[in-house]
């Protein structure tokens, strides 16, 4: 039986792979800058993100969306508290 040999992941075997993963998850600077910062090529960072961090990236984005939604709900609740103060008395706008 022959075993299929695959390509090893450059990022997974990199000395700073935890920091690279954190940078990818934050995605504040983009994959090209991350690759340049660590002496990697863009394709390696893209492949690693797609093949090894897909679930983490999705969960991270979902968490960011939930946080944004919670912030928006909080702001709407504050606006709702002030809304009665800005509406004229006596039934409506004219």
Protein backbone atom coordinates (compact mmCIF):
# COMPACT_ATOMS: atom_id res chain seq x y z
CA UNK A 1 0.00 0.00 0.00
CA UNK A 2 1.47 3.33 -0.99
CA UNK A 3 0.79 6.39 1.06
CA UNK A 4 -0.04 9.61 -0.73
CA UNK A 5 2.43 12.29 0.27
CA UNK A 6 1.00 15.74 0.61
CA UNK A 7 2.51 19.13 0.96
CA UNK A 8 3.35 20.12 4.53
CA UNK A 9 1.91 23.39 5.77
CA UNK A 10 4.55 26.11 5.94
CA UNK A 11 2.59 28.04 8.57
CA UNK A 12 1.90 25.04 10.83
CA UNK A 13 5.63 24.26 10.92
CA UNK A 14 6.68 27.93 11.35
CA UNK A 15 8.25 28.94 14.68
CA UNK A 16 5.76 31.79 15.03
CA UNK A 17 2.67 29.89 13.87
CA UNK A 18 0.57 30.92 16.89
CA UNK A 19 1.21 34.61 16.22
CA UNK A 20 0.54 34.10 12.51
CA UNK A 21 -2.76 32.38 13.34
CA UNK A 22 -3.70 35.28 15.63
CA UNK A 23 -2.87 37.79 12.90
CA UNK A 24 -4.94 35.85 10.38
CA UNK A 25 -7.89 35.67 12.76
CA UNK A 26 -7.70 39.41 13.43
CA UNK A 27 -7.29 40.02 9.69
CA UNK A 28 -6.58 43.65 10.44
CA UNK A 29 -3.74 44.03 7.94
CA UNK A 30 -4.57 41.51 5.21
CA UNK A 31 -2.90 38.31 4.13
CA UNK A 32 -0.23 39.96 1.98
CA UNK A 33 1.12 42.03 4.88
CA UNK A 34 0.99 39.01 7.18
CA UNK A 35 2.97 37.00 4.62
CA UNK A 36 5.54 39.78 4.26
CA UNK A 37 5.88 40.22 8.02
CA UNK A 38 6.83 36.57 8.53
CA UNK A 39 8.79 35.96 5.32
CA UNK A 40 6.06 33.83 3.76
CA UNK A 41 4.34 33.86 0.41
CA UNK A 42 0.75 34.96 0.04
CA UNK A 43 -0.47 31.57 -1.21
CA UNK A 44 0.83 29.87 1.96
CA UNK A 45 -1.14 32.22 4.19
CA UNK A 46 -4.27 31.86 2.07
CA UNK A 47 -3.98 28.07 1.98
CA UNK A 48 -3.40 27.86 5.73
CA UNK A 49 -6.40 30.08 6.46
CA UNK A 50 -8.63 28.04 4.15
CA UNK A 51 -7.43 24.57 5.16
CA UNK A 52 -6.56 24.96 8.82
CA UNK A 53 -8.43 27.98 10.16
CA UNK A 54 -11.71 27.93 8.23
CA UNK A 55 -13.79 26.98 11.30
CA UNK A 56 -11.95 29.43 13.56
CA UNK A 57 -12.30 32.25 11.01
CA UNK A 58 -16.02 31.58 10.68
CA UNK A 59 -16.49 31.49 14.47
CA UNK A 60 -14.44 34.67 14.86
CA UNK A 61 -16.54 36.50 12.25
CA UNK A 62 -19.76 35.26 13.88
CA UNK A 63 -18.55 36.51 17.27
CA UNK A 64 -17.71 39.91 15.76
CA UNK A 65 -21.17 40.07 14.17
CA UNK A 66 -22.84 39.22 17.49
CA UNK A 67 -20.80 41.85 19.29
CA UNK A 68 -21.77 44.42 16.67
CA UNK A 69 -25.42 43.40 17.00
CA UNK A 70 -25.28 43.69 20.79
CA UNK A 71 -23.69 47.13 20.50
CA UNK A 72 -26.35 48.22 18.01
CA UNK A 73 -29.15 46.93 20.27
CA UNK A 74 -27.65 48.84 23.19
CA UNK A 75 -27.51 52.03 21.15
CA UNK A 76 -31.10 51.54 19.98
CA UNK A 77 -32.23 51.02 23.57
CA UNK A 78 -30.56 54.29 24.58
CA UNK A 79 -32.22 56.11 21.69
CA UNK A 80 -35.54 54.61 22.68
CA UNK A 81 -35.14 56.06 26.17
CA UNK A 82 -34.62 59.55 24.72
CA UNK A 83 -37.31 59.34 22.04
CA UNK A 84 -40.21 60.37 24.31
CA UNK A 85 -38.24 63.46 25.32
CA UNK A 86 -37.91 64.70 21.75
CA UNK A 87 -41.47 64.17 20.57
CA UNK A 88 -43.73 67.21 20.97
CA UNK A 89 -46.59 67.00 23.41
CA UNK A 90 -50.11 67.02 22.12
CA UNK A 91 -50.17 64.30 19.55
CA UNK A 92 -47.61 64.65 16.82
CA UNK A 93 -45.51 66.67 14.42
CA UNK A 94 -46.95 69.52 12.43
